[in-house]
Amino acid sequence: MVEVALAMVEQDGRWLLQLRDDVDGIVAPGCWGLFGGHLDPGEDPEQALRRELLEEISWRVDQVQHRFSHRQAERVLHFFFTTLRDPLDSLCLREGQDMVLASLDTLRQGSVWSPALGEHRPLAASLQLAVDHLSARS
């Protein structure tokens, strides 16, 4: 069983997204997703999330709150909520092609504009799960 920890990062009603690389062999290549990743041996989901955020965007997150978990075949996705209080440009993108803040209304449209690529890209299935969860609560 593979476990993944994902960050639902909110700032002023918008959500932080990562545009995944266009690389064969990764989950959801070229799609918008949430920052996070697989748990390393011995890590719990929160530890993995904190490590991934530091590795992917150089962000040492203060507080996170487990929101929900979702089982898919051989994977368990753990979704955590946190708030970004710093400006977006204070983050350093180290993994992926782009990052943006997008409103829930934009996410509900199923694709998001990438300023770096100059085109719309679709949502990864894991991001769609988070959007569905947020939509059910609003």
N, C-alpha and C. Protein backbone atom coordinates (compact mmCIF):
# COMPACT_ATOMS: atom_id res chain seq x y z
N MET A 1 0.84 -1.18 0.00
CA MET A 1 0.00 0.00 0.00
C MET A 1 0.89 1.25 0.00
N VAL A 2 0.68 2.12 -0.96
CA VAL A 2 1.41 3.38 -1.06
C VAL A 2 0.59 4.46 -0.37
N GLU A 3 1.25 5.26 0.47
CA GLU A 3 0.57 6.36 1.13
C GLU A 3 1.17 7.68 0.66
N VAL A 4 0.30 8.66 0.47
CA VAL A 4 0.70 9.97 -0.03
C VAL A 4 0.08 11.03 0.88
N ALA A 5 0.86 12.06 1.19
CA ALA A 5 0.36 13.20 1.97
C ALA A 5 0.31 14.42 1.06
N LEU A 6 -0.83 15.11 1.04
CA LEU A 6 -1.05 16.24 0.13
C LEU A 6 -1.51 17.47 0.92
N ALA A 7 -1.04 18.64 0.49
CA ALA A 7 -1.31 19.89 1.20
C ALA A 7 -2.38 20.71 0.48
N MET A 8 -3.48 20.96 1.17
CA MET A 8 -4.50 21.90 0.72
C MET A 8 -4.14 23.24 1.37
N VAL A 9 -3.41 24.07 0.62
CA VAL A 9 -2.87 25.33 1.15
C VAL A 9 -3.74 26.48 0.66
N GLU A 10 -4.32 27.21 1.61
CA GLU A 10 -5.26 28.29 1.29
C GLU A 10 -4.64 29.64 1.63
N GLN A 11 -4.91 30.61 0.77
CA GLN A 11 -4.55 32.00 1.05
C GLN A 11 -5.64 32.89 0.48
N ASP A 12 -6.33 33.58 1.35
CA ASP A 12 -7.38 34.54 0.95
C ASP A 12 -8.38 33.92 -0.03
N GLY A 13 -8.85 32.71 0.27
CA GLY A 13 -9.87 32.06 -0.55
C GLY A 13 -9.35 31.43 -1.84
N ARG A 14 -8.06 31.40 -1.99
CA ARG A 14 -7.46 30.75 -3.16
C ARG A 14 -6.56 29.61 -2.70
N TRP A 15 -6.32 28.65 -3.58
CA TRP A 15 -5.63 27.42 -3.24
C TRP A 15 -4.32 27.30 -4.01
N LEU A 16 -3.27 26.88 -3.31
CA LEU A 16 -1.95 26.74 -3.91
C LEU A 16 -1.87 25.45 -4.72
N LEU A 17 -1.47 25.60 -5.98
CA LEU A 17 -1.38 24.46 -6.90
C LEU A 17 0.02 24.32 -7.45
N GLN A 18 0.37 23.10 -7.78
CA GLN A 18 1.63 22.77 -8.44
C GLN A 18 1.32 22.18 -9.81
N LEU A 19 1.93 22.72 -10.85
CA LEU A 19 1.82 22.12 -12.18
C LEU A 19 2.93 21.08 -12.29
N ARG A 20 2.49 19.83 -12.35
CA ARG A 20 3.44 18.72 -12.37
C ARG A 20 4.23 18.71 -13.67
N ASP A 21 5.43 18.18 -13.60
CA ASP A 21 6.29 18.10 -14.78
C ASP A 21 5.65 17.22 -15.86
N ASP A 22 6.00 17.49 -17.11
CA ASP A 22 5.59 16.66 -18.24
C ASP A 22 6.62 15.55 -18.41
N VAL A 23 6.57 14.58 -17.51
CA VAL A 23 7.54 13.49 -17.50
C VAL A 23 6.78 12.17 -17.45
N ASP A 24 7.10 11.28 -18.36
CA ASP A 24 6.50 9.95 -18.32
C ASP A 24 6.90 9.23 -17.04
N GLY A 25 5.98 8.43 -16.52
CA GLY A 25 6.28 7.61 -15.36
C GLY A 25 5.92 8.23 -14.02
N ILE A 26 5.46 9.50 -14.01
CA ILE A 26 5.01 10.08 -12.75
C ILE A 26 3.48 10.11 -12.76
N VAL A 27 2.91 10.27 -11.61
CA VAL A 27 1.46 10.39 -11.49
C VAL A 27 1.03 11.75 -12.02
N ALA A 28 0.03 11.77 -12.88
CA ALA A 28 -0.57 13.00 -13.41
C ALA A 28 0.43 13.97 -14.04
N PRO A 29 1.22 13.51 -15.00
CA PRO A 29 2.16 14.42 -15.65
C PRO A 29 1.43 15.56 -16.36
N GLY A 30 1.97 16.77 -16.22
CA GLY A 30 1.41 17.92 -16.90
C GLY A 30 0.08 18.42 -16.37
N CYS A 31 -0.33 17.92 -15.22
CA CYS A 31 -1.61 18.33 -14.60
C CYS A 31 -1.34 19.15 -13.35
N TRP A 32 -2.34 19.96 -12.99
CA TRP A 32 -2.28 20.70 -11.73
C TRP A 32 -2.59 19.75 -10.58
N GLY A 33 -1.80 19.83 -9.54
CA GLY A 33 -2.03 19.01 -8.36
C GLY A 33 -1.70 19.80 -7.10
N LEU A 34 -1.68 19.10 -6.00
CA LEU A 34 -1.33 19.67 -4.71
C LEU A 34 0.10 19.30 -4.38
N PHE A 35 0.78 20.16 -3.65
CA PHE A 35 2.13 19.82 -3.21
C PHE A 35 2.05 18.70 -2.19
N GLY A 36 3.06 17.86 -2.19
CA GLY A 36 3.11 16.73 -1.28
C GLY A 36 3.77 15.56 -1.96
N GLY A 37 3.65 14.38 -1.35
CA GLY A 37 4.26 13.21 -1.96
C GLY A 37 4.18 11.98 -1.07
N HIS A 38 4.91 10.97 -1.50
CA HIS A 38 4.90 9.67 -0.83
C HIS A 38 5.56 9.72 0.54
N LEU A 39 5.07 8.90 1.42
CA LEU A 39 5.68 8.75 2.74
C LEU A 39 6.94 7.91 2.60
N ASP A 40 8.01 8.34 3.24
CA ASP A 40 9.23 7.54 3.33
C ASP A 40 9.06 6.53 4.45
N PRO A 41 9.83 5.44 4.43
CA PRO A 41 9.73 4.46 5.52
C PRO A 41 9.91 5.12 6.88
N GLY A 42 9.00 4.79 7.79
CA GLY A 42 9.05 5.31 9.14
C GLY A 42 8.38 6.66 9.35
N GLU A 43 7.95 7.31 8.27
CA GLU A 43 7.28 8.60 8.40
C GLU A 43 5.78 8.42 8.59
N ASP A 44 5.18 9.32 9.36
CA ASP A 44 3.73 9.38 9.37
C ASP A 44 3.32 10.43 8.33
N PRO A 45 2.05 10.49 7.97
CA PRO A 45 1.64 11.42 6.91
C PRO A 45 2.00 12.88 7.17
N GLU A 46 1.86 13.35 8.39
CA GLU A 46 2.19 14.75 8.67
C GLU A 46 3.69 15.01 8.51
N GLN A 47 4.52 14.09 8.96
CA GLN A 47 5.97 14.24 8.78
C GLN A 47 6.32 14.29 7.30
N ALA A 48 5.71 13.42 6.51
CA ALA A 48 5.98 13.39 5.08
C ALA A 48 5.56 14.70 4.42
N LEU A 49 4.41 15.21 4.81
CA LEU A 49 3.93 16.47 4.24
C LEU A 49 4.90 17.60 4.53
N ARG A 50 5.34 17.71 5.76
CA ARG A 50 6.28 18.77 6.14
C ARG A 50 7.59 18.64 5.34
N ARG A 51 8.09 17.42 5.20
CA ARG A 51 9.32 17.20 4.43
C ARG A 51 9.11 17.58 2.97
N GLU A 52 8.00 17.14 2.38
CA GLU A 52 7.74 17.43 0.97
C GLU A 52 7.60 18.93 0.71
N LEU A 53 6.92 19.65 1.58
CA LEU A 53 6.77 21.10 1.39
C LEU A 53 8.12 21.81 1.46
N LEU A 54 8.98 21.35 2.33
CA LEU A 54 10.32 21.93 2.41
C LEU A 54 11.11 21.61 1.14
N GLU A 55 11.03 20.38 0.66
CA GLU A 55 11.76 19.98 -0.54
C GLU A 55 11.21 20.65 -1.80
N GLU A 56 9.90 20.75 -1.92
CA GLU A 56 9.29 21.19 -3.17
C GLU A 56 9.17 22.70 -3.31
N ILE A 57 8.96 23.42 -2.19
CA ILE A 57 8.78 24.87 -2.29
C ILE A 57 9.53 25.64 -1.19
N SER A 58 10.45 24.98 -0.52
CA SER A 58 11.26 25.62 0.53
C SER A 58 10.40 26.29 1.59
N TRP A 59 9.33 25.62 1.99
CA TRP A 59 8.41 26.20 2.96
C TRP A 59 8.35 25.32 4.21
N ARG A 60 8.69 25.92 5.33
CA ARG A 60 8.59 25.24 6.62
C ARG A 60 7.24 25.63 7.21
N VAL A 61 6.26 24.76 7.05
CA VAL A 61 4.89 25.04 7.46
C VAL A 61 4.77 24.98 8.98
N ASP A 62 3.98 25.91 9.54
CA ASP A 62 3.78 25.93 10.99
C ASP A 62 2.76 24.89 11.44
N GLN A 63 1.52 25.11 11.06
CA GLN A 63 0.45 24.23 11.52
C GLN A 63 -0.24 23.58 10.33
N VAL A 64 -0.54 22.31 10.47
CA VAL A 64 -1.34 21.59 9.49
C VAL A 64 -2.43 20.84 10.24
N GLN A 65 -3.50 20.60 9.54
CA GLN A 65 -4.66 19.92 10.13
C GLN A 65 -5.11 18.84 9.16
N HIS A 66 -5.19 17.60 9.63
CA HIS A 66 -5.67 16.53 8.76
C HIS A 66 -7.12 16.79 8.39
N ARG A 67 -7.43 16.78 7.11
CA ARG A 67 -8.80 17.03 6.64
C ARG A 67 -9.55 15.75 6.36
N PHE A 68 -8.96 14.89 5.51
CA PHE A 68 -9.61 13.61 5.19
C PHE A 68 -8.59 12.71 4.51
N SER A 69 -8.92 11.42 4.45
CA SER A 69 -8.11 10.44 3.73
C SER A 69 -9.01 9.75 2.72
N HIS A 70 -8.41 9.29 1.63
CA HIS A 70 -9.15 8.63 0.56
C HIS A 70 -8.34 7.44 0.06
N ARG A 71 -8.99 6.29 0.01
CA ARG A 71 -8.32 5.08 -0.47
C ARG A 71 -8.67 4.87 -1.94
N GLN A 72 -7.64 4.64 -2.77
CA GLN A 72 -7.80 4.34 -4.19
C GLN A 72 -6.99 3.10 -4.50
N ALA A 73 -7.63 2.01 -4.77
CA ALA A 73 -6.92 0.77 -5.13
C ALA A 73 -5.75 0.52 -4.19
N GLU A 74 -4.53 0.76 -4.66
CA GLU A 74 -3.32 0.49 -3.88
C GLU A 74 -2.72 1.73 -3.23
N ARG A 75 -3.49 2.84 -3.19
CA ARG A 75 -2.97 4.08 -2.61
C ARG A 75 -3.93 4.63 -1.56
N VAL A 76 -3.35 5.27 -0.55
CA VAL A 76 -4.13 6.04 0.41
C VAL A 76 -3.62 7.47 0.34
N LEU A 77 -4.54 8.39 0.09
CA LEU A 77 -4.21 9.81 0.01
C LEU A 77 -4.65 10.49 1.30
N HIS A 78 -3.73 11.18 1.96
CA HIS A 78 -4.01 11.92 3.19
C HIS A 78 -3.97 13.41 2.84
N PHE A 79 -5.08 14.10 3.04
CA PHE A 79 -5.19 15.51 2.72
C PHE A 79 -5.10 16.34 3.99
N PHE A 80 -4.22 17.33 3.97
CA PHE A 80 -4.02 18.22 5.11
C PHE A 80 -4.33 19.65 4.69
N PHE A 81 -4.84 20.43 5.63
CA PHE A 81 -5.15 21.84 5.39
C PHE A 81 -4.15 22.70 6.13
N THR A 82 -3.74 23.78 5.49
CA THR A 82 -2.92 24.80 6.13
C THR A 82 -3.14 26.12 5.41
N THR A 83 -2.66 27.18 6.03
CA THR A 83 -2.82 28.52 5.47
C THR A 83 -1.45 29.09 5.13
N LEU A 84 -1.36 29.70 3.96
CA LEU A 84 -0.14 30.41 3.55
C LEU A 84 -0.32 31.87 3.92
N ARG A 85 0.51 32.33 4.84
CA ARG A 85 0.42 33.72 5.29
C ARG A 85 1.44 34.62 4.58
N ASP A 86 2.45 34.02 3.99
CA ASP A 86 3.49 34.77 3.29
C ASP A 86 3.09 34.98 1.83
N PRO A 87 3.70 35.95 1.16
CA PRO A 87 3.41 36.13 -0.27
C PRO A 87 3.84 34.91 -1.07
N LEU A 88 3.14 34.66 -2.17
CA LEU A 88 3.46 33.52 -3.03
C LEU A 88 4.91 33.57 -3.50
N ASP A 89 5.40 34.75 -3.81
CA ASP A 89 6.77 34.84 -4.32
C ASP A 89 7.84 34.59 -3.24
N SER A 90 7.42 34.35 -2.00
CA SER A 90 8.38 33.96 -0.97
C SER A 90 8.70 32.47 -1.05
N LEU A 91 7.89 31.73 -1.80
CA LEU A 91 8.13 30.30 -1.99
C LEU A 91 9.07 30.10 -3.17
N CYS A 92 9.87 29.07 -3.11
CA CYS A 92 10.82 28.76 -4.17
C CYS A 92 10.42 27.43 -4.81
N LEU A 93 9.90 27.48 -6.03
CA LEU A 93 9.46 26.26 -6.72
C LEU A 93 10.68 25.42 -7.10
N ARG A 94 10.78 24.25 -6.50
CA ARG A 94 11.90 23.34 -6.76
C ARG A 94 11.46 22.09 -7.50
N GLU A 95 10.16 21.87 -7.57
CA GLU A 95 9.65 20.69 -8.26
C GLU A 95 8.36 21.07 -8.98
N GLY A 96 8.30 20.79 -10.27
CA GLY A 96 7.14 21.14 -11.06
C GLY A 96 7.47 22.28 -12.01
N GLN A 97 6.49 22.62 -12.87
CA GLN A 97 6.68 23.62 -13.91
C GLN A 97 6.16 25.00 -13.53
N ASP A 98 5.23 25.03 -12.60
CA ASP A 98 4.59 26.30 -12.25
C ASP A 98 3.86 26.12 -10.94
N MET A 99 3.54 27.22 -10.29
CA MET A 99 2.66 27.21 -9.13
C MET A 99 1.82 28.47 -9.17
N VAL A 100 0.58 28.33 -8.77
CA VAL A 100 -0.36 29.46 -8.76
C VAL A 100 -1.29 29.31 -7.57
N LEU A 101 -2.00 30.40 -7.29
CA LEU A 101 -3.12 30.40 -6.37
C LEU A 101 -4.37 30.49 -7.22
N ALA A 102 -5.32 29.59 -7.02
CA ALA A 102 -6.54 29.56 -7.82
C ALA A 102 -7.76 29.48 -6.92
N SER A 103 -8.82 30.19 -7.32
CA SER A 103 -10.07 30.17 -6.56
C SER A 103 -10.79 28.83 -6.75
N LEU A 104 -11.68 28.54 -5.85
CA LEU A 104 -12.48 27.33 -5.96
C LEU A 104 -13.34 27.38 -7.23
N ASP A 105 -13.87 28.54 -7.58
CA ASP A 105 -14.64 28.67 -8.82
C ASP A 105 -13.80 28.30 -10.04
N THR A 106 -12.55 28.75 -10.06
CA THR A 106 -11.65 28.39 -11.17
C THR A 106 -11.40 26.90 -11.18
N LEU A 107 -11.15 26.32 -10.02
CA LEU A 107 -10.89 24.88 -9.94
C LEU A 107 -12.09 24.06 -10.40
N ARG A 108 -13.28 24.53 -10.12
CA ARG A 108 -14.48 23.82 -10.54
C ARG A 108 -14.62 23.74 -12.06
N GLN A 109 -13.92 24.61 -12.78
CA GLN A 109 -13.96 24.59 -14.24
C GLN A 109 -13.15 23.44 -14.83
N GLY A 110 -12.28 22.82 -14.02
CA GLY A 110 -11.56 21.63 -14.46
C GLY A 110 -10.21 21.88 -15.11
N SER A 111 -9.85 23.13 -15.30
CA SER A 111 -8.51 23.45 -15.80
C SER A 111 -8.11 24.81 -15.25
N VAL A 112 -6.80 25.04 -15.22
CA VAL A 112 -6.25 26.27 -14.66
C VAL A 112 -5.18 26.78 -15.61
N TRP A 113 -5.13 28.09 -15.77
CA TRP A 113 -4.15 28.76 -16.62
C TRP A 113 -2.77 28.70 -15.97
N SER A 114 -1.77 28.35 -16.75
CA SER A 114 -0.38 28.37 -16.30
C SER A 114 0.31 29.59 -16.89
N PRO A 115 0.66 30.58 -16.08
CA PRO A 115 1.41 31.73 -16.59
C PRO A 115 2.76 31.32 -17.20
N ALA A 116 3.41 30.32 -16.62
CA ALA A 116 4.72 29.89 -17.11
C ALA A 116 4.64 29.26 -18.50
N LEU A 117 3.57 28.50 -18.76
CA LEU A 117 3.44 27.81 -20.05
C LEU A 117 2.54 28.56 -21.02
N GLY A 118 1.73 29.49 -20.52
CA GLY A 118 0.82 30.24 -21.38
C GLY A 118 -0.32 29.40 -21.93
N GLU A 119 -0.81 28.47 -21.11
CA GLU A 119 -1.93 27.61 -21.53
C GLU A 119 -2.65 27.04 -20.32
N HIS A 120 -3.88 26.57 -20.57
CA HIS A 120 -4.64 25.88 -19.54
C HIS A 120 -4.15 24.44 -19.44
N ARG A 121 -4.15 23.93 -18.22
CA ARG A 121 -3.82 22.53 -17.97
C ARG A 121 -4.90 21.94 -17.06
N PRO A 122 -5.18 20.63 -17.21
CA PRO A 122 -6.23 19.98 -16.41
C PRO A 122 -5.79 19.71 -14.98
N LEU A 123 -6.77 19.34 -14.17
CA LEU A 123 -6.52 18.99 -12.77
C LEU A 123 -6.18 17.51 -12.66
N ALA A 124 -5.25 17.18 -11.79
CA ALA A 124 -4.96 15.79 -11.44
C ALA A 124 -6.15 15.23 -10.66
N ALA A 125 -6.30 13.92 -10.70
CA ALA A 125 -7.42 13.27 -9.99
C ALA A 125 -7.39 13.59 -8.49
N SER A 126 -6.21 13.66 -7.90
CA SER A 126 -6.13 13.95 -6.46
C SER A 126 -6.59 15.37 -6.16
N LEU A 127 -6.28 16.31 -7.04
CA LEU A 127 -6.75 17.68 -6.85
C LEU A 127 -8.27 17.73 -7.01
N GLN A 128 -8.80 16.96 -7.94
CA GLN A 128 -10.25 16.93 -8.12
C GLN A 128 -10.94 16.41 -6.87
N LEU A 129 -10.34 15.44 -6.19
CA LEU A 129 -10.89 14.97 -4.91
C LEU A 129 -10.96 16.09 -3.89
N ALA A 130 -9.90 16.89 -3.81
CA ALA A 130 -9.87 18.02 -2.88
C ALA A 130 -10.94 19.07 -3.26
N VAL A 131 -11.08 19.33 -4.56
CA VAL A 131 -12.10 20.28 -5.03
C VAL A 131 -13.49 19.79 -4.67
N ASP A 132 -13.75 18.51 -4.87
CA ASP A 132 -15.05 17.93 -4.52
C ASP A 132 -15.32 18.07 -3.02
N HIS A 133 -14.28 17.83 -2.22
CA HIS A 133 -14.40 17.96 -0.77
C HIS A 133 -14.72 19.40 -0.38
N LEU A 134 -14.00 20.34 -0.96
CA LEU A 134 -14.24 21.76 -0.66
C LEU A 134 -15.62 22.21 -1.14
N SER A 135 -16.04 21.74 -2.30
CA SER A 135 -17.34 22.11 -2.87
C SER A 135 -18.48 21.60 -2.00
N ALA A 136 -18.30 20.43 -1.44
CA ALA A 136 -19.34 19.84 -0.57
C ALA A 136 -19.49 20.64 0.71
N ARG A 137 -18.43 21.33 1.11
CA ARG A 137 -18.45 22.10 2.37
C ARG A 137 -18.92 23.52 2.16
N SER A 138 -18.98 24.00 0.90
CA SER A 138 -19.36 25.40 0.67
C SER A 138 -20.79 25.52 0.19
